[in-house]
């Protein structure tokens, strides 16, 4: 099967891989803006890098498919975003979730209330940011979608419901079928019964999103990487011989059929026998008035199974860390196993070119104050506060003198 092009994965939880993209996948991607309601009369503003699928196939390809005008900016700028929209009479903007968060965190500019943008289309928009984004830039319709570079499985929230990535309608499942599978909470592999078959997740239960490999949902694999390609496939899921693509994403379907993105398997971690969603903890942390950004991950601690929660955070301008306030906020919003035991204060977070948070280096460096100049803090339950993590305190934790 011939390739249309190669697109490298973002590499947020590992090294980037060159995904083979076929012609059918390309054509389907180019219909994104049209599915969101855009027309040839629209002027589309794109600030994302063209070597990723969002800007290239959905963005540029979508403009070509519509016959719409495209305004390209070399690099995203929160300061210039709305100024550009006014200057070029932009009517449609394409986003990645973090891009929207940068905009709502930015100081007010006059142009944000005088633009002609009616549609924001993209993916990865967190519910808390979504609500603030829609309220502050009030003329916008938001169309949140979900898609993958490697396969054709995808969803689009065509309603005004804040939070879902799409809806599991009869038509959707007919054209691009999918399943949510129960998974082993230790290995994150799909759970199998004694007979060796997988089990569908119940309504309201988080499951791994998988899709049958078909003529409409092709998986061409990663160029020159047969091992990684085969890791994405699951065989004998429901019957002998069937073949499914494993997205590695955890989704939930509610009783109305709405689908919600919960986390990526590479991002979740296990602590005190429980699964911790980095996305959920990050959203909770960012509700505090002194935290601008949070990147949550798990770190190994000698003598403990699983990984303890840790968060790299960026404080808002002219704000300081308020340990007791953070502690009581966690008590009210999260179960104890999900609390971040360690904090790392950073001037900015490391992200990919599409604003996806980098975790690999942070996980490797852990909570050792000897290998970074960033200030780190440790949650002291007895004092209900976060204490500055110095070398002495670090060694006491590693030696088991202080219990988590």
Protein backbone atom coordinates (compact mmCIF):
# COMPACT_ATOMS: atom_id res chain seq x y z
CA UNK A 1 0.00 0.00 0.00
CA UNK A 2 1.51 3.34 -1.06
CA UNK A 3 2.30 6.15 1.35
CA UNK A 4 0.83 9.63 1.07
CA UNK A 5 3.41 10.99 3.52
CA UNK A 6 5.22 10.26 6.78
CA UNK A 7 4.36 12.15 9.96
CA UNK A 8 6.42 11.83 13.13
CA UNK A 9 4.55 11.28 16.40
CA UNK A 10 5.04 13.99 19.03
CA UNK A 11 7.27 11.91 21.32
CA UNK A 12 5.71 13.04 24.60
CA UNK A 13 6.24 9.70 26.37
CA UNK A 14 9.03 8.24 24.22
CA UNK A 15 11.00 8.77 21.03
CA UNK A 16 9.13 10.06 17.95
CA UNK A 17 8.19 7.44 15.34
CA UNK A 18 7.52 8.00 11.62
CA UNK A 19 3.89 7.02 11.07
CA UNK A 20 2.92 6.00 7.55
CA UNK A 21 -0.11 7.96 6.38
CA UNK A 22 -2.12 6.59 3.46
CA UNK A 23 -4.17 8.44 0.85
CA UNK A 24 -7.53 7.52 2.38
CA UNK A 25 -6.46 8.82 5.80
CA UNK A 26 -5.29 12.07 4.19
CA UNK A 27 -8.60 12.60 2.39
CA UNK A 28 -10.60 11.91 5.55
CA UNK A 29 -8.45 14.35 7.54
CA UNK A 30 -9.02 17.11 5.03
CA UNK A 31 -12.77 17.03 5.73
CA UNK A 32 -12.26 18.24 9.31
CA UNK A 33 -13.09 21.94 8.84
CA UNK A 34 -16.09 21.11 6.67
CA UNK A 35 -17.42 18.77 9.39
CA UNK A 36 -17.07 21.65 11.86
CA UNK A 37 -19.26 23.86 9.66
CA UNK A 38 -16.65 25.98 7.89
CA UNK A 39 -17.16 27.03 4.25
CA UNK A 40 -15.16 28.44 1.34
CA UNK A 41 -15.97 31.96 2.55
CA UNK A 42 -14.00 31.48 5.78
CA UNK A 43 -10.51 32.77 6.52
CA UNK A 44 -8.61 30.20 8.61
CA UNK A 45 -5.77 31.15 10.98
CA UNK A 46 -3.11 28.45 11.55
CA UNK A 47 -0.18 28.89 13.96
CA UNK A 48 0.81 25.25 14.51
CA UNK A 49 3.86 23.56 12.93
CA UNK A 50 3.16 22.09 9.50
CA UNK A 51 5.11 18.89 10.10
CA UNK A 52 2.36 17.60 12.40
CA UNK A 53 -0.98 16.30 11.23
CA UNK A 54 -3.15 18.98 12.83
CA UNK A 55 -1.76 21.86 10.81
CA UNK A 56 -0.78 19.98 7.66
CA UNK A 57 -3.63 17.58 6.86
CA UNK A 58 -6.48 19.03 8.93
CA UNK A 59 -5.35 22.64 8.57
CA UNK A 60 -3.79 23.27 5.17
CA UNK A 61 -5.51 20.21 3.70
CA UNK A 62 -8.82 21.37 5.13
CA UNK A 63 -8.43 24.81 3.55
CA UNK A 64 -7.64 23.25 0.18
CA UNK A 65 -10.65 20.93 0.47
CA UNK A 66 -12.95 23.88 1.26
CA UNK A 67 -11.35 26.35 -1.08
CA UNK A 68 -11.00 28.66 1.92
CA UNK A 69 -8.36 31.32 2.58
CA UNK A 70 -5.53 30.32 4.89
CA UNK A 71 -3.53 32.70 7.07
CA UNK A 72 -0.26 31.12 8.25
CA UNK A 73 1.85 32.41 11.10
CA UNK A 74 5.38 31.05 11.47
CA UNK A 75 5.04 30.60 15.23
CA UNK A 76 2.21 30.93 17.74
CA UNK A 77 2.18 34.14 19.75
CA UNK A 78 -0.40 34.77 22.47
CA UNK A 79 0.35 38.49 22.24
CA UNK A 80 -0.25 38.68 18.48
CA UNK A 81 -3.04 36.08 18.17
CA UNK A 82 -6.10 38.32 18.34
CA UNK A 83 -4.28 41.21 16.68
CA UNK A 84 -3.64 38.95 13.68
CA UNK A 85 -7.27 37.79 13.69
CA UNK A 86 -8.47 41.41 13.42
CA UNK A 87 -5.80 42.40 10.90
CA UNK A 88 -6.55 39.54 8.49
CA UNK A 89 -10.33 39.31 9.10
CA UNK A 90 -9.96 35.76 10.42
CA UNK A 91 -13.20 33.81 10.93
CA UNK A 92 -11.88 30.36 11.91
CA UNK A 93 -8.96 29.47 14.18
CA UNK A 94 -7.34 26.07 14.65
CA UNK A 95 -6.14 25.13 18.12
CA UNK A 96 -4.36 22.58 20.23
CA UNK A 97 -5.63 22.58 23.82
CA UNK A 98 -2.59 24.22 25.37
CA UNK A 99 -2.77 27.05 22.83
CA UNK A 100 -6.18 28.01 24.26
CA UNK A 101 -4.80 27.93 27.79
CA UNK A 102 -2.01 30.31 26.82
CA UNK A 103 -4.65 32.70 25.46
CA UNK A 104 -6.85 32.66 28.59
CA UNK A 105 -3.77 33.17 30.78
CA UNK A 106 -2.67 36.16 28.71
CA UNK A 107 -3.50 39.72 29.65
CA UNK A 108 -6.52 41.27 27.98
CA UNK A 109 -5.90 42.89 24.60
CA UNK A 110 -8.49 45.16 22.88
CA UNK A 111 -8.61 42.98 19.79
CA UNK A 112 -10.00 39.98 21.67
CA UNK A 113 -13.39 41.72 21.73
CA UNK A 114 -13.37 43.09 18.19
CA UNK A 115 -12.49 40.05 16.08
CA UNK A 116 -14.71 38.21 13.58
CA UNK A 117 -13.81 34.68 14.64
CA UNK A 118 -16.91 32.48 14.96
CA UNK A 119 -15.30 29.03 15.11
CA UNK A 120 -12.40 27.48 17.03
CA UNK A 121 -11.69 23.91 15.90
CA UNK A 122 -9.11 21.51 17.26
CA UNK A 123 -8.38 18.96 19.96
CA UNK A 124 -6.98 18.53 23.46
CA UNK A 125 -9.01 21.29 25.12
CA UNK A 126 -9.44 20.70 28.86
CA UNK A 127 -12.92 21.32 30.29
CA UNK A 128 -11.80 24.07 32.69
CA UNK A 129 -9.96 25.97 29.95
CA UNK A 130 -12.80 25.32 27.48
CA UNK A 131 -15.35 27.06 29.69
CA UNK A 132 -13.14 30.07 30.35
CA UNK A 133 -12.13 30.26 26.68
CA UNK A 134 -15.76 30.23 25.52
CA UNK A 135 -16.84 32.85 28.09
CA UNK A 136 -13.97 35.27 27.58
CA UNK A 137 -13.92 35.13 23.78
CA UNK A 138 -17.70 34.97 23.68
CA UNK A 139 -18.40 34.97 19.96
CA UNK A 140 -16.78 31.57 19.47
CA UNK A 141 -18.21 28.17 18.71
CA UNK A 142 -15.84 25.45 19.87
CA UNK A 143 -15.64 22.19 17.95
CA UNK A 144 -13.49 19.72 19.87
CA UNK A 145 -12.34 16.60 18.06
CA UNK A 146 -10.18 13.55 18.62
CA UNK A 147 -7.90 11.89 16.12
CA UNK A 148 -4.69 9.96 15.70
CA UNK A 149 -1.80 10.21 13.30
CA UNK A 150 -1.58 6.44 12.89
CA UNK A 151 -5.22 5.45 12.27
CA UNK A 152 -8.53 6.84 10.99
CA UNK A 153 -10.51 6.44 14.20
CA UNK A 154 -11.79 9.85 15.25
CA UNK A 155 -14.62 11.78 16.88
CA UNK A 156 -16.07 15.28 16.74
CA UNK A 157 -18.20 17.02 19.35
CA UNK A 158 -20.69 18.78 17.10
CA UNK A 159 -22.77 19.98 20.09
CA UNK A 160 -22.22 22.86 22.51
CA UNK A 161 -21.69 20.45 25.43
CA UNK A 162 -18.44 21.40 27.20
CA UNK A 163 -16.06 18.50 27.86
CA UNK A 164 -16.75 15.63 25.42
CA UNK A 165 -14.53 14.82 22.45
CA UNK A 166 -17.46 13.40 20.51
CA UNK A 167 -20.53 11.23 20.63
CA UNK A 168 -20.86 7.51 20.03
CA UNK A 169 -23.78 7.76 17.64
CA UNK A 170 -25.11 4.83 15.60
CA UNK A 171 -23.81 6.45 12.40
CA UNK A 172 -20.38 7.03 13.93
CA UNK A 173 -20.01 3.41 15.01
CA UNK A 174 -21.26 2.26 11.60
CA UNK A 175 -18.69 4.26 9.62
CA UNK A 176 -15.72 4.08 12.00
CA UNK A 177 -16.40 1.32 14.56
CA UNK A 178 -14.60 1.29 17.90
CA UNK A 179 -14.72 -0.35 21.31
CA UNK A 180 -13.75 0.62 24.86
CA UNK A 181 -12.11 -2.34 26.60
CA UNK A 182 -11.59 -3.10 30.25
CA UNK A 183 -7.90 -3.13 31.14
CA UNK A 184 -5.56 -4.62 33.69
CA UNK A 185 -4.81 -1.88 36.21
CA UNK A 186 -1.30 -3.25 36.78
CA UNK A 187 -0.12 -3.63 33.18
CA UNK A 188 -2.61 -1.38 31.34
CA UNK A 189 -3.08 -4.23 28.87
CA UNK A 190 -6.63 -5.14 27.80
CA UNK A 191 -8.18 -7.53 30.33
CA UNK A 192 -8.83 -11.05 29.02
CA UNK A 193 -11.17 -13.71 30.38
CA UNK A 194 -10.26 -17.35 30.96
CA UNK A 195 -11.23 -18.02 27.34
CA UNK A 196 -8.72 -15.38 26.21
CA UNK A 197 -11.24 -12.81 25.00
CA UNK A 198 -11.38 -9.13 25.85
CA UNK A 199 -14.28 -7.50 27.70
CA UNK A 200 -16.12 -4.29 26.81
CA UNK A 201 -16.12 -1.52 29.41
CA UNK A 202 -19.49 -0.59 30.91
CA UNK A 203 -21.15 2.78 30.41
CA UNK A 204 -19.49 5.19 32.82
CA UNK A 205 -16.38 3.02 33.10
CA UNK A 206 -13.00 4.09 31.72
CA UNK A 207 -11.67 1.79 29.00
CA UNK A 208 -8.94 1.56 26.38
CA UNK A 209 -10.05 2.82 22.97
CA UNK A 210 -9.47 0.24 20.23
CA UNK A 211 -10.69 0.08 16.64
CA UNK A 212 -10.84 -2.83 14.18
CA UNK A 213 -8.28 -2.63 11.38
CA UNK A 214 -10.37 -2.38 8.21
CA UNK A 215 -10.24 -0.89 4.72
CA UNK A 216 -11.68 2.33 6.21
CA UNK A 217 -9.49 2.26 9.31
CA UNK A 218 -6.07 1.35 8.03
CA UNK A 219 -2.94 1.07 10.13
CA UNK A 220 0.14 1.15 7.94
CA UNK A 221 2.55 1.05 10.86
CA UNK A 222 5.72 2.99 11.56
CA UNK A 223 8.34 3.26 8.85
CA UNK A 224 11.28 0.92 9.51
CA UNK A 225 9.98 -0.08 12.93
CA UNK A 226 8.18 -3.40 12.78
CA UNK A 227 8.45 -4.02 16.52
CA UNK A 228 6.67 -0.78 17.48
CA UNK A 229 4.12 -1.31 14.72
CA UNK A 230 3.15 -4.74 16.05
CA UNK A 231 2.87 -3.38 19.61
CA UNK A 232 -0.06 -1.23 18.49
CA UNK A 233 -2.10 -4.23 17.34
CA UNK A 234 -4.27 -6.61 19.41
CA UNK A 235 -5.34 -9.97 18.04
CA UNK A 236 -8.23 -12.29 18.96
CA UNK A 237 -10.09 -9.54 20.80
CA UNK A 238 -13.64 -10.92 20.54
CA UNK A 239 -13.26 -13.80 18.07
CA UNK A 240 -10.32 -15.77 16.76
CA UNK A 241 -8.49 -13.94 14.01
CA UNK A 242 -9.85 -10.42 14.52
CA UNK A 243 -7.37 -7.55 14.61
CA UNK A 244 -7.69 -4.24 16.46
CA UNK A 245 -5.59 -1.08 16.67
CA UNK A 246 -4.79 -0.08 20.25
CA UNK A 247 -4.83 3.71 20.61
CA UNK A 248 -3.35 3.58 24.11
CA UNK A 249 -5.90 6.23 25.15
CA UNK A 250 -8.33 5.89 28.03
CA UNK A 251 -11.86 7.11 27.29
CA UNK A 252 -15.21 7.08 29.08
CA UNK A 253 -18.66 6.92 27.52
CA UNK A 254 -21.58 8.30 29.51
CA UNK A 255 -25.25 7.27 29.36
CA UNK A 256 -25.97 9.87 26.68
CA UNK A 257 -23.29 8.49 24.39
CA UNK A 258 -20.83 11.36 24.93
CA UNK A 259 -17.17 10.33 24.94
CA UNK A 260 -14.62 11.89 27.27
CA UNK A 261 -10.83 11.67 27.04
CA UNK A 262 -9.46 10.58 30.41
CA UNK A 263 -5.74 10.01 29.91
CA UNK A 264 -3.02 8.41 27.85
CA UNK A 265 -1.67 5.10 29.15
CA UNK A 266 1.90 6.36 29.04
CA UNK A 267 0.89 9.28 31.26
CA UNK A 268 -1.06 7.44 33.96
CA UNK A 269 0.74 5.96 36.95
CA UNK A 270 -0.13 3.71 39.88
CA UNK A 271 0.30 4.64 43.56
CA UNK A 272 -1.02 2.98 46.74
CA UNK A 273 -2.76 0.38 44.57
CA UNK A 274 -4.74 3.03 42.67
CA UNK A 275 -4.52 4.48 39.17
CA UNK A 276 -3.75 8.19 39.02
CA UNK A 277 -4.82 10.31 36.05
CA UNK A 278 -2.20 12.97 35.38
CA UNK A 279 -4.76 14.96 33.43
CA UNK A 280 -7.23 15.05 36.32
CA UNK A 281 -4.59 16.12 38.86
CA UNK A 282 -3.27 18.79 36.50
CA UNK A 283 -6.76 20.26 36.05
CA UNK A 284 -7.27 20.38 39.82
CA UNK A 285 -3.93 22.13 40.43
CA UNK A 286 -4.65 24.77 37.78
CA UNK A 287 -7.85 25.79 39.58
CA UNK A 288 -5.68 27.55 42.19
CA UNK A 289 -5.18 31.27 41.62
CA UNK A 290 -1.38 31.13 41.97
CA UNK A 291 -0.69 28.22 39.57
CA UNK A 292 -0.48 29.00 35.87
CA UNK A 293 0.61 25.59 34.49
CA UNK A 294 1.09 22.10 35.89
CA UNK A 295 2.72 19.01 34.41
CA UNK A 296 1.92 15.94 36.53
CA UNK A 297 3.85 12.65 36.46
CA UNK A 298 4.94 9.78 38.70
CA UNK A 299 8.39 9.24 40.21
CA UNK A 300 9.90 6.16 41.82
CA UNK A 301 10.66 6.26 45.55
CA UNK A 302 12.91 3.57 47.10
CA UNK A 303 10.94 1.08 49.19
CA UNK A 304 7.58 1.77 47.54
CA UNK A 305 5.69 0.07 44.76
CA UNK A 306 4.36 2.18 41.95
CA UNK A 307 5.21 5.85 41.55
CA UNK A 308 4.52 8.83 43.80
CA UNK A 309 2.83 11.86 42.32
CA UNK A 310 4.94 14.85 41.38
CA UNK A 311 4.07 18.09 39.59
CA UNK A 312 6.23 20.57 37.74
CA UNK A 313 4.40 23.86 38.10
CA UNK A 314 4.72 27.40 36.79
CA UNK A 315 3.52 30.09 39.18
CA UNK A 316 1.54 33.05 37.92
CA UNK A 317 3.33 36.38 37.65
CA UNK A 318 3.94 38.00 41.05
CA UNK A 319 2.51 34.98 42.88
CA UNK A 320 4.24 32.64 45.31
CA UNK A 321 3.59 29.04 46.26
CA UNK A 322 1.02 28.82 49.05
CA UNK A 323 1.57 25.37 50.55
CA UNK A 324 -1.29 25.26 53.10
CA UNK A 325 -3.81 26.55 50.56
CA UNK A 326 -2.69 23.90 48.09
CA UNK A 327 -2.95 21.20 50.77
CA UNK A 328 -6.54 22.06 51.72
CA UNK A 329 -7.46 22.34 48.04
CA UNK A 330 -6.19 18.79 47.48
CA UNK A 331 -8.12 17.53 50.52
CA UNK A 332 -11.34 18.94 49.05
CA UNK A 333 -10.85 17.85 45.44
CA UNK A 334 -8.76 14.65 45.17
CA UNK A 335 -8.41 11.30 46.91
CA UNK A 336 -5.22 11.09 48.98
CA UNK A 337 -3.50 8.63 46.61
CA UNK A 338 -3.67 11.22 43.81
CA UNK A 339 -2.02 14.06 45.75
CA UNK A 340 1.35 15.18 44.38
CA UNK A 341 3.94 14.46 47.06
CA UNK A 342 6.55 16.54 45.33
CA UNK A 343 6.50 19.88 43.54
CA UNK A 344 9.06 21.32 41.18
CA UNK A 345 8.85 25.05 40.47
CA UNK A 346 9.86 25.97 36.93
CA UNK A 347 9.91 29.27 35.00
CA UNK A 348 8.24 27.47 32.08
CA UNK A 349 7.28 23.93 31.11
CA UNK A 350 9.04 21.90 28.44
CA UNK A 351 6.60 21.22 25.62
CA UNK A 352 6.71 19.81 22.10
CA UNK A 353 6.11 21.99 19.05
CA UNK A 354 2.40 21.20 19.36
CA UNK A 355 2.36 22.28 23.03
CA UNK A 356 2.20 18.76 24.44
CA UNK A 357 3.95 18.50 27.79
CA UNK A 358 7.26 16.66 27.95
CA UNK A 359 7.50 14.22 30.86
CA UNK A 360 10.36 11.83 30.07
CA UNK A 361 13.21 14.01 31.36
CA UNK A 362 11.23 15.07 34.44
CA UNK A 363 10.49 11.45 35.34
CA UNK A 364 14.17 10.54 34.95
CA UNK A 365 15.35 13.39 37.19
CA UNK A 366 12.75 12.54 39.82
CA UNK A 367 12.79 14.55 43.06
CA UNK A 368 16.56 14.68 43.58
CA UNK A 369 17.55 18.27 44.49
CA UNK A 370 21.18 17.52 43.62
CA UNK A 371 20.55 17.38 39.88
CA UNK A 372 18.50 20.53 39.29
CA UNK A 373 18.55 24.19 40.26
CA UNK A 374 14.75 24.27 40.33
CA UNK A 375 13.25 24.62 43.80
CA UNK A 376 11.48 21.45 44.94
CA UNK A 377 8.95 20.93 47.71
CA UNK A 378 7.74 17.93 49.71
CA UNK A 379 4.25 17.46 51.14
CA UNK A 380 4.42 17.17 54.92
CA UNK A 381 1.06 15.79 56.03
CA UNK A 382 1.68 16.57 59.71
CA UNK A 383 2.27 20.25 58.99
CA UNK A 384 -0.33 20.36 56.18
CA UNK A 385 2.14 22.24 54.05
CA UNK A 386 4.76 21.83 51.33
CA UNK A 387 8.31 22.13 52.68
CA UNK A 388 11.39 23.09 50.70
CA UNK A 389 13.08 19.86 49.66
CA UNK A 390 16.77 20.09 50.56
CA UNK A 391 19.42 17.36 50.33
CA UNK A 392 18.97 16.31 53.97
CA UNK A 393 15.21 15.89 53.60
CA UNK A 394 15.70 14.06 50.31
CA UNK A 395 18.09 11.56 51.90
CA UNK A 396 15.67 10.95 54.79
CA UNK A 397 12.93 10.10 52.28
CA UNK A 398 15.22 7.82 50.25
CA UNK A 399 16.48 6.09 53.40
CA UNK A 400 12.92 5.48 54.60
CA UNK A 401 13.19 7.72 57.68
CA UNK A 402 10.26 9.75 56.35
CA UNK A 403 7.21 7.80 55.25
CA UNK A 404 4.97 8.69 52.34
